[in-house]
Amino acid sequence: MYFWIASLTACSPAPTDKMLFDAATDSANAALTPAAHQQAATLFYKVYESYPASSLAGDAVFQSAKALTSAQQLQQAIERFAVMREKFPSHKDAPLALFLTGFIYNNDLQDSVKAKEVYQTFLSQYPAHELAMSARFELETMGKPPEEVVPKVQLDTSAHGVHH
């Protein structure tokens, strides 16, 4: 796979935005390791860098950020989500990029201050978005232990053959 991608990017004439995007998609779909996700992220971002006016550029930056998340390169992912929102504010995935930024801050980096700021921005910019309820839930449960968030399931141990 790597050889094919390397030859694709080295060939003349230059690969088109669609060729690069398809190669990045193939790489992302085949990625099983953080390094492979990192490689996919690099390829997706190359689409944006090489063809910033392409109709695929916004998708490429978004997919690059998602691949970086899979590679556990969380700060880089946050930066790419920010690039995506800044350069492509009307892109269909711009709200999701903002939400995922808050999610990474809250759930992966445990930075509740930044997470709260991002979720509040999300709710002010996209109050009717399908993820607005999730953003509110994240804000309401921020900092609470899981046992307070998820209702406890009471098991009737006698019904399972366990006797005390």
N, C-alpha and C. Protein backbone atom coordinates (compact mmCIF):
# COMPACT_ATOMS: atom_id res chain seq x y z
N MET A 1 0.83 -1.19 0.00
CA MET A 1 0.00 0.00 0.00
C MET A 1 0.87 1.25 0.00
N TYR A 2 1.89 1.29 0.87
CA TYR A 2 2.73 2.47 0.95
C TYR A 2 3.45 2.72 -0.37
N PHE A 3 3.95 1.66 -1.01
CA PHE A 3 4.64 1.81 -2.29
C PHE A 3 3.72 2.44 -3.32
N TRP A 4 2.47 1.95 -3.38
CA TRP A 4 1.52 2.48 -4.35
C TRP A 4 1.26 3.96 -4.10
N ILE A 5 1.12 4.34 -2.83
CA ILE A 5 0.85 5.74 -2.49
C ILE A 5 2.07 6.59 -2.82
N ALA A 6 3.27 6.09 -2.48
CA ALA A 6 4.49 6.84 -2.78
C ALA A 6 4.65 7.02 -4.28
N SER A 7 4.36 5.99 -5.05
CA SER A 7 4.49 6.11 -6.50
C SER A 7 3.41 7.04 -7.06
N LEU A 8 2.24 7.05 -6.44
CA LEU A 8 1.17 7.94 -6.87
C LEU A 8 1.58 9.39 -6.71
N THR A 9 2.19 9.71 -5.57
CA THR A 9 2.55 11.09 -5.31
C THR A 9 3.81 11.50 -6.05
N ALA A 10 4.60 10.55 -6.55
CA ALA A 10 5.83 10.86 -7.26
C ALA A 10 5.65 10.87 -8.77
N CYS A 11 4.52 10.39 -9.27
CA CYS A 11 4.30 10.25 -10.71
C CYS A 11 4.11 11.58 -11.39
N SER A 12 4.36 11.58 -12.70
CA SER A 12 3.99 12.70 -13.56
C SER A 12 2.90 12.19 -14.48
N PRO A 13 1.90 12.92 -14.80
CA PRO A 13 1.59 14.22 -14.22
C PRO A 13 1.15 14.10 -12.76
N ALA A 14 1.05 15.26 -12.12
CA ALA A 14 0.68 15.27 -10.71
C ALA A 14 -0.68 14.62 -10.50
N PRO A 15 -0.84 13.91 -9.40
CA PRO A 15 -2.14 13.29 -9.13
C PRO A 15 -3.20 14.36 -8.91
N THR A 16 -4.42 14.03 -9.28
CA THR A 16 -5.52 14.97 -9.09
C THR A 16 -5.96 14.95 -7.63
N ASP A 17 -6.78 15.93 -7.28
CA ASP A 17 -7.32 15.96 -5.92
C ASP A 17 -8.10 14.69 -5.62
N LYS A 18 -8.87 14.22 -6.59
CA LYS A 18 -9.67 13.00 -6.40
C LYS A 18 -8.77 11.79 -6.21
N MET A 19 -7.68 11.70 -6.99
CA MET A 19 -6.76 10.57 -6.85
C MET A 19 -6.14 10.55 -5.45
N LEU A 20 -5.69 11.73 -4.99
CA LEU A 20 -5.10 11.81 -3.66
C LEU A 20 -6.12 11.48 -2.58
N PHE A 21 -7.32 12.03 -2.73
CA PHE A 21 -8.37 11.78 -1.74
C PHE A 21 -8.71 10.29 -1.69
N ASP A 22 -8.83 9.66 -2.85
CA ASP A 22 -9.12 8.22 -2.89
C ASP A 22 -8.00 7.40 -2.27
N ALA A 23 -6.75 7.79 -2.52
CA ALA A 23 -5.61 7.08 -1.91
C ALA A 23 -5.63 7.24 -0.40
N ALA A 24 -5.95 8.45 0.07
CA ALA A 24 -6.03 8.70 1.51
C ALA A 24 -7.17 7.89 2.12
N THR A 25 -8.30 7.82 1.43
CA THR A 25 -9.44 7.04 1.92
C THR A 25 -9.07 5.56 2.01
N ASP A 26 -8.42 5.05 0.98
CA ASP A 26 -7.96 3.64 1.01
C ASP A 26 -7.02 3.41 2.19
N SER A 27 -6.11 4.35 2.39
CA SER A 27 -5.15 4.24 3.49
C SER A 27 -5.88 4.25 4.84
N ALA A 28 -6.84 5.14 4.99
CA ALA A 28 -7.59 5.23 6.26
C ALA A 28 -8.40 3.96 6.50
N ASN A 29 -9.01 3.44 5.45
CA ASN A 29 -9.83 2.23 5.60
C ASN A 29 -8.99 1.01 5.95
N ALA A 30 -7.74 1.00 5.52
CA ALA A 30 -6.85 -0.14 5.79
C ALA A 30 -6.05 0.03 7.08
N ALA A 31 -6.12 1.22 7.68
CA ALA A 31 -5.28 1.53 8.85
C ALA A 31 -5.68 0.70 10.06
N LEU A 32 -4.70 0.01 10.61
CA LEU A 32 -4.92 -0.79 11.81
C LEU A 32 -4.04 -0.34 12.96
N THR A 33 -3.06 0.50 12.68
CA THR A 33 -2.13 0.95 13.71
C THR A 33 -2.14 2.47 13.77
N PRO A 34 -1.69 3.04 14.89
CA PRO A 34 -1.58 4.50 14.96
C PRO A 34 -0.73 5.08 13.83
N ALA A 35 0.36 4.40 13.48
CA ALA A 35 1.22 4.90 12.40
C ALA A 35 0.48 4.92 11.07
N ALA A 36 -0.34 3.93 10.82
CA ALA A 36 -1.12 3.88 9.58
C ALA A 36 -2.18 4.98 9.56
N HIS A 37 -2.79 5.25 10.71
CA HIS A 37 -3.76 6.35 10.79
C HIS A 37 -3.04 7.69 10.56
N GLN A 38 -1.83 7.81 11.12
CA GLN A 38 -1.03 9.03 10.92
C GLN A 38 -0.73 9.22 9.43
N GLN A 39 -0.39 8.14 8.75
CA GLN A 39 -0.11 8.21 7.31
C GLN A 39 -1.36 8.64 6.54
N ALA A 40 -2.50 8.10 6.90
CA ALA A 40 -3.75 8.49 6.25
C ALA A 40 -4.03 9.98 6.48
N ALA A 41 -3.79 10.44 7.71
CA ALA A 41 -4.00 11.85 8.04
C ALA A 41 -3.12 12.74 7.16
N THR A 42 -1.88 12.33 6.99
CA THR A 42 -0.94 13.09 6.16
C THR A 42 -1.42 13.15 4.71
N LEU A 43 -1.89 12.02 4.21
CA LEU A 43 -2.39 11.99 2.82
C LEU A 43 -3.63 12.86 2.65
N PHE A 44 -4.56 12.78 3.61
CA PHE A 44 -5.75 13.63 3.52
C PHE A 44 -5.35 15.11 3.53
N TYR A 45 -4.42 15.47 4.41
CA TYR A 45 -4.03 16.87 4.51
C TYR A 45 -3.31 17.33 3.24
N LYS A 46 -2.62 16.41 2.58
CA LYS A 46 -1.94 16.74 1.32
C LYS A 46 -2.96 17.16 0.26
N VAL A 47 -4.15 16.56 0.29
CA VAL A 47 -5.21 16.98 -0.64
C VAL A 47 -5.51 18.46 -0.43
N TYR A 48 -5.70 18.85 0.83
CA TYR A 48 -6.00 20.25 1.15
C TYR A 48 -4.83 21.16 0.78
N GLU A 49 -3.61 20.76 1.13
CA GLU A 49 -2.45 21.60 0.84
C GLU A 49 -2.22 21.75 -0.67
N SER A 50 -2.42 20.68 -1.41
CA SER A 50 -2.18 20.71 -2.86
C SER A 50 -3.33 21.34 -3.64
N TYR A 51 -4.54 21.19 -3.12
CA TYR A 51 -5.74 21.67 -3.82
C TYR A 51 -6.68 22.38 -2.85
N PRO A 52 -6.26 23.52 -2.29
CA PRO A 52 -7.09 24.18 -1.27
C PRO A 52 -8.45 24.65 -1.77
N ALA A 53 -8.60 24.83 -3.07
CA ALA A 53 -9.89 25.27 -3.62
C ALA A 53 -10.75 24.10 -4.10
N SER A 54 -10.26 22.89 -3.94
CA SER A 54 -10.98 21.70 -4.39
C SER A 54 -12.27 21.52 -3.60
N SER A 55 -13.25 20.92 -4.25
CA SER A 55 -14.50 20.59 -3.55
C SER A 55 -14.25 19.50 -2.50
N LEU A 56 -13.11 18.83 -2.56
CA LEU A 56 -12.77 17.79 -1.59
C LEU A 56 -11.93 18.31 -0.43
N ALA A 57 -11.48 19.56 -0.50
CA ALA A 57 -10.55 20.08 0.50
C ALA A 57 -11.13 20.05 1.92
N GLY A 58 -12.36 20.48 2.10
CA GLY A 58 -12.98 20.47 3.43
C GLY A 58 -13.11 19.07 3.98
N ASP A 59 -13.58 18.15 3.13
CA ASP A 59 -13.66 16.74 3.55
C ASP A 59 -12.29 16.21 3.92
N ALA A 60 -11.28 16.59 3.14
CA ALA A 60 -9.92 16.09 3.38
C ALA A 60 -9.39 16.55 4.73
N VAL A 61 -9.60 17.82 5.07
CA VAL A 61 -9.12 18.31 6.37
C VAL A 61 -9.88 17.61 7.50
N PHE A 62 -11.19 17.45 7.34
CA PHE A 62 -11.99 16.77 8.36
C PHE A 62 -11.53 15.33 8.55
N GLN A 63 -11.34 14.61 7.44
CA GLN A 63 -10.89 13.21 7.53
C GLN A 63 -9.48 13.13 8.11
N SER A 64 -8.65 14.11 7.81
CA SER A 64 -7.31 14.16 8.39
C SER A 64 -7.40 14.26 9.91
N ALA A 65 -8.28 15.13 10.39
CA ALA A 65 -8.46 15.29 11.84
C ALA A 65 -8.98 14.01 12.47
N LYS A 66 -9.93 13.35 11.82
CA LYS A 66 -10.45 12.09 12.35
C LYS A 66 -9.37 11.01 12.40
N ALA A 67 -8.54 10.95 11.36
CA ALA A 67 -7.45 9.96 11.34
C ALA A 67 -6.44 10.26 12.45
N LEU A 68 -6.18 11.53 12.70
CA LEU A 68 -5.27 11.90 13.80
C LEU A 68 -5.86 11.50 15.15
N THR A 69 -7.17 11.61 15.28
CA THR A 69 -7.83 11.16 16.51
C THR A 69 -7.62 9.66 16.68
N SER A 70 -7.78 8.91 15.61
CA SER A 70 -7.56 7.46 15.66
C SER A 70 -6.11 7.12 15.98
N ALA A 71 -5.20 7.99 15.56
CA ALA A 71 -3.77 7.79 15.83
C ALA A 71 -3.39 8.28 17.22
N GLN A 72 -4.37 8.78 17.98
CA GLN A 72 -4.15 9.34 19.31
C GLN A 72 -3.23 10.57 19.28
N GLN A 73 -3.22 11.27 18.17
CA GLN A 73 -2.50 12.54 18.04
C GLN A 73 -3.54 13.64 18.28
N LEU A 74 -3.96 13.75 19.54
CA LEU A 74 -5.15 14.53 19.86
C LEU A 74 -4.97 16.03 19.68
N GLN A 75 -3.82 16.58 20.05
CA GLN A 75 -3.61 18.02 19.86
C GLN A 75 -3.60 18.36 18.38
N GLN A 76 -2.94 17.52 17.58
CA GLN A 76 -2.94 17.73 16.13
C GLN A 76 -4.35 17.61 15.57
N ALA A 77 -5.12 16.67 16.07
CA ALA A 77 -6.51 16.51 15.61
C ALA A 77 -7.31 17.78 15.91
N ILE A 78 -7.15 18.31 17.11
CA ILE A 78 -7.85 19.54 17.49
C ILE A 78 -7.45 20.68 16.55
N GLU A 79 -6.15 20.76 16.24
CA GLU A 79 -5.68 21.81 15.33
C GLU A 79 -6.29 21.65 13.94
N ARG A 80 -6.38 20.42 13.46
CA ARG A 80 -6.97 20.19 12.13
C ARG A 80 -8.46 20.48 12.13
N PHE A 81 -9.16 20.13 13.21
CA PHE A 81 -10.58 20.48 13.29
C PHE A 81 -10.74 22.00 13.25
N ALA A 82 -9.81 22.73 13.89
CA ALA A 82 -9.86 24.19 13.87
C ALA A 82 -9.61 24.73 12.47
N VAL A 83 -8.65 24.16 11.75
CA VAL A 83 -8.39 24.56 10.36
C VAL A 83 -9.64 24.33 9.53
N MET A 84 -10.24 23.19 9.72
CA MET A 84 -11.44 22.85 8.95
C MET A 84 -12.55 23.88 9.18
N ARG A 85 -12.78 24.22 10.45
CA ARG A 85 -13.85 25.18 10.77
C ARG A 85 -13.51 26.58 10.27
N GLU A 86 -12.22 26.95 10.33
CA GLU A 86 -11.80 28.28 9.91
C GLU A 86 -11.86 28.43 8.39
N LYS A 87 -11.35 27.44 7.68
CA LYS A 87 -11.28 27.53 6.22
C LYS A 87 -12.59 27.14 5.53
N PHE A 88 -13.38 26.31 6.20
CA PHE A 88 -14.62 25.79 5.58
C PHE A 88 -15.79 25.91 6.57
N PRO A 89 -16.10 27.16 7.00
CA PRO A 89 -17.12 27.33 8.05
C PRO A 89 -18.52 26.87 7.66
N SER A 90 -18.82 26.82 6.37
CA SER A 90 -20.16 26.37 5.97
C SER A 90 -20.19 24.91 5.54
N HIS A 91 -19.08 24.21 5.72
CA HIS A 91 -19.01 22.78 5.38
C HIS A 91 -20.00 22.01 6.25
N LYS A 92 -20.58 20.97 5.69
CA LYS A 92 -21.58 20.17 6.41
C LYS A 92 -21.02 19.59 7.71
N ASP A 93 -19.72 19.33 7.79
CA ASP A 93 -19.14 18.74 8.99
C ASP A 93 -18.51 19.76 9.95
N ALA A 94 -18.64 21.05 9.67
CA ALA A 94 -18.08 22.07 10.57
C ALA A 94 -18.67 21.96 11.98
N PRO A 95 -19.99 21.78 12.14
CA PRO A 95 -20.52 21.60 13.50
C PRO A 95 -19.95 20.36 14.18
N LEU A 96 -19.83 19.27 13.45
CA LEU A 96 -19.29 18.04 14.03
C LEU A 96 -17.83 18.23 14.44
N ALA A 97 -17.08 18.98 13.64
CA ALA A 97 -15.68 19.26 13.98
C ALA A 97 -15.59 19.99 15.32
N LEU A 98 -16.48 20.95 15.53
CA LEU A 98 -16.50 21.69 16.79
C LEU A 98 -16.91 20.78 17.94
N PHE A 99 -17.95 19.98 17.74
CA PHE A 99 -18.40 19.06 18.78
C PHE A 99 -17.28 18.07 19.14
N LEU A 100 -16.63 17.50 18.14
CA LEU A 100 -15.57 16.52 18.41
C LEU A 100 -14.39 17.15 19.14
N THR A 101 -14.14 18.43 18.88
CA THR A 101 -13.10 19.14 19.62
C THR A 101 -13.45 19.16 21.11
N GLY A 102 -14.68 19.51 21.42
CA GLY A 102 -15.12 19.50 22.82
C GLY A 102 -15.05 18.11 23.42
N PHE A 103 -15.44 17.11 22.64
CA PHE A 103 -15.43 15.73 23.11
C PHE A 103 -14.01 15.28 23.44
N ILE A 104 -13.05 15.62 22.58
CA ILE A 104 -11.65 15.25 22.84
C ILE A 104 -11.16 15.94 24.11
N TYR A 105 -11.44 17.24 24.24
CA TYR A 105 -11.02 17.95 25.46
C TYR A 105 -11.62 17.31 26.70
N ASN A 106 -12.90 16.98 26.65
CA ASN A 106 -13.58 16.46 27.83
C ASN A 106 -13.22 15.01 28.14
N ASN A 107 -13.29 14.16 27.16
CA ASN A 107 -13.19 12.72 27.40
C ASN A 107 -11.80 12.13 27.24
N ASP A 108 -10.97 12.74 26.41
CA ASP A 108 -9.63 12.20 26.20
C ASP A 108 -8.57 12.98 26.97
N LEU A 109 -8.65 14.30 26.94
CA LEU A 109 -7.63 15.13 27.59
C LEU A 109 -8.03 15.58 28.99
N GLN A 110 -9.26 15.29 29.40
CA GLN A 110 -9.78 15.70 30.71
C GLN A 110 -9.53 17.19 31.00
N ASP A 111 -9.72 18.01 29.99
CA ASP A 111 -9.59 19.46 30.13
C ASP A 111 -11.00 20.05 30.13
N SER A 112 -11.61 20.05 31.32
CA SER A 112 -13.01 20.48 31.40
C SER A 112 -13.19 21.97 31.11
N VAL A 113 -12.17 22.78 31.36
CA VAL A 113 -12.29 24.21 31.09
C VAL A 113 -12.43 24.45 29.59
N LYS A 114 -11.53 23.85 28.80
CA LYS A 114 -11.61 24.02 27.35
C LYS A 114 -12.84 23.32 26.78
N ALA A 115 -13.16 22.15 27.32
CA ALA A 115 -14.33 21.41 26.84
C ALA A 115 -15.60 22.25 27.04
N LYS A 116 -15.73 22.84 28.21
CA LYS A 116 -16.92 23.66 28.51
C LYS A 116 -17.01 24.84 27.54
N GLU A 117 -15.89 25.48 27.29
CA GLU A 117 -15.85 26.61 26.36
C GLU A 117 -16.28 26.17 24.95
N VAL A 118 -15.76 25.03 24.50
CA VAL A 118 -16.09 24.54 23.15
C VAL A 118 -17.56 24.14 23.07
N TYR A 119 -18.06 23.42 24.07
CA TYR A 119 -19.47 23.01 24.04
C TYR A 119 -20.40 24.22 24.09
N GLN A 120 -20.04 25.24 24.87
CA GLN A 120 -20.87 26.44 24.93
C GLN A 120 -20.86 27.17 23.58
N THR A 121 -19.70 27.21 22.94
CA THR A 121 -19.61 27.79 21.60
C THR A 121 -20.48 27.01 20.63
N PHE A 122 -20.39 25.69 20.71
CA PHE A 122 -21.20 24.82 19.85
C PHE A 122 -22.69 25.15 20.02
N LEU A 123 -23.14 25.22 21.27
CA LEU A 123 -24.57 25.47 21.53
C LEU A 123 -25.00 26.87 21.09
N SER A 124 -24.10 27.84 21.18
CA SER A 124 -24.47 29.19 20.73
C SER A 124 -24.49 29.27 19.20
N GLN A 125 -23.61 28.53 18.52
CA GLN A 125 -23.57 28.57 17.06
C GLN A 125 -24.57 27.62 16.40
N TYR A 126 -24.83 26.50 17.06
CA TYR A 126 -25.68 25.46 16.46
C TYR A 126 -26.74 24.96 17.45
N PRO A 127 -27.59 25.85 17.96
CA PRO A 127 -28.54 25.45 19.01
C PRO A 127 -29.54 24.37 18.59
N ALA A 128 -29.82 24.27 17.30
CA ALA A 128 -30.80 23.29 16.84
C ALA A 128 -30.15 22.07 16.18
N HIS A 129 -28.83 21.98 16.24
CA HIS A 129 -28.13 20.86 15.61
C HIS A 129 -28.47 19.55 16.32
N GLU A 130 -28.41 18.46 15.57
CA GLU A 130 -28.74 17.15 16.15
C GLU A 130 -27.82 16.77 17.31
N LEU A 131 -26.63 17.37 17.41
CA LEU A 131 -25.72 17.07 18.53
C LEU A 131 -25.88 18.04 19.70
N ALA A 132 -26.81 18.99 19.61
CA ALA A 132 -26.99 19.96 20.69
C ALA A 132 -27.36 19.27 22.00
N MET A 133 -28.22 18.26 21.93
CA MET A 133 -28.60 17.53 23.14
C MET A 133 -27.37 16.83 23.74
N SER A 134 -26.54 16.27 22.89
CA SER A 134 -25.32 15.61 23.37
C SER A 134 -24.37 16.62 24.01
N ALA A 135 -24.26 17.80 23.41
CA ALA A 135 -23.40 18.84 23.98
C ALA A 135 -23.92 19.27 25.36
N ARG A 136 -25.24 19.42 25.48
CA ARG A 136 -25.82 19.77 26.79
C ARG A 136 -25.55 18.66 27.81
N PHE A 137 -25.70 17.40 27.40
CA PHE A 137 -25.44 16.27 28.28
C PHE A 137 -23.98 16.28 28.73
N GLU A 138 -23.06 16.52 27.80
CA GLU A 138 -21.63 16.58 28.15
C GLU A 138 -21.39 17.68 29.19
N LEU A 139 -22.03 18.84 28.99
CA LEU A 139 -21.87 19.94 29.95
C LEU A 139 -22.44 19.59 31.32
N GLU A 140 -23.62 18.95 31.33
CA GLU A 140 -24.27 18.61 32.59
C GLU A 140 -23.52 17.53 33.37
N THR A 141 -22.86 16.64 32.67
CA THR A 141 -22.21 15.51 33.34
C THR A 141 -20.70 15.70 33.49
N MET A 142 -20.19 16.80 33.02
CA MET A 142 -18.76 17.06 33.07
C MET A 142 -18.24 16.99 34.51
N GLY A 143 -17.21 16.20 34.71
CA GLY A 143 -16.58 16.08 36.02
C GLY A 143 -17.26 15.12 36.97
N LYS A 144 -18.39 14.56 36.57
CA LYS A 144 -19.09 13.61 37.44
C LYS A 144 -18.56 12.21 37.20
N PRO A 145 -18.47 11.41 38.25
CA PRO A 145 -18.03 10.03 38.06
C PRO A 145 -19.09 9.25 37.27
N PRO A 146 -18.65 8.24 36.52
CA PRO A 146 -19.59 7.48 35.68
C PRO A 146 -20.78 6.92 36.44
N GLU A 147 -20.58 6.52 37.69
CA GLU A 147 -21.71 5.94 38.43
C GLU A 147 -22.81 6.97 38.72
N GLU A 148 -22.48 8.25 38.68
CA GLU A 148 -23.51 9.28 38.83
C GLU A 148 -24.21 9.57 37.51
N VAL A 149 -23.54 9.28 36.42
CA VAL A 149 -24.07 9.58 35.10
C VAL A 149 -24.97 8.45 34.60
N VAL A 150 -24.49 7.24 34.73
CA VAL A 150 -25.23 6.07 34.26
C VAL A 150 -26.01 5.51 35.43
N PRO A 151 -27.33 5.42 35.31
CA PRO A 151 -28.11 4.87 36.42
C PRO A 151 -27.67 3.44 36.73
N LYS A 152 -27.60 3.17 38.01
CA LYS A 152 -27.21 1.82 38.43
C LYS A 152 -28.32 0.84 38.08
N VAL A 153 -27.92 -0.30 37.60
CA VAL A 153 -28.87 -1.36 37.29
C VAL A 153 -28.89 -2.29 38.49
N GLN A 154 -30.04 -2.40 39.09
CA GLN A 154 -30.19 -3.27 40.25
C GLN A 154 -30.48 -4.69 39.77
N LEU A 155 -29.66 -5.59 40.16
CA LEU A 155 -29.87 -6.99 39.79
C LEU A 155 -30.47 -7.74 40.96
N ASP A 156 -31.44 -8.53 40.66
CA ASP A 156 -32.01 -9.43 41.66
C ASP A 156 -31.14 -10.68 41.65
N THR A 157 -30.20 -10.73 42.60
CA THR A 157 -29.24 -11.84 42.59
C THR A 157 -29.91 -13.18 42.80
N SER A 158 -31.04 -13.21 43.50
CA SER A 158 -31.70 -14.50 43.71
C SER A 158 -32.27 -15.05 42.41
N ALA A 159 -32.61 -14.17 41.48
CA ALA A 159 -33.14 -14.62 40.20
C ALA A 159 -32.05 -15.25 39.33
N HIS A 160 -30.80 -15.00 39.70
CA HIS A 160 -29.69 -15.54 38.92
C HIS A 160 -29.06 -16.74 39.61
N GLY A 161 -29.73 -17.28 40.59
CA GLY A 161 -29.21 -18.47 41.26
C GLY A 161 -28.12 -18.19 42.27
N VAL A 162 -27.95 -16.93 42.64
CA VAL A 162 -26.93 -16.58 43.63
C VAL A 162 -27.65 -16.44 44.97
N HIS A 163 -27.21 -17.19 45.96
CA HIS A 163 -27.84 -17.14 47.28
C HIS A 163 -26.83 -16.62 48.28
N HIS A 164 -27.33 -15.83 49.20
CA HIS A 164 -26.46 -15.29 50.25
C HIS A 164 -26.64 -16.03 51.53
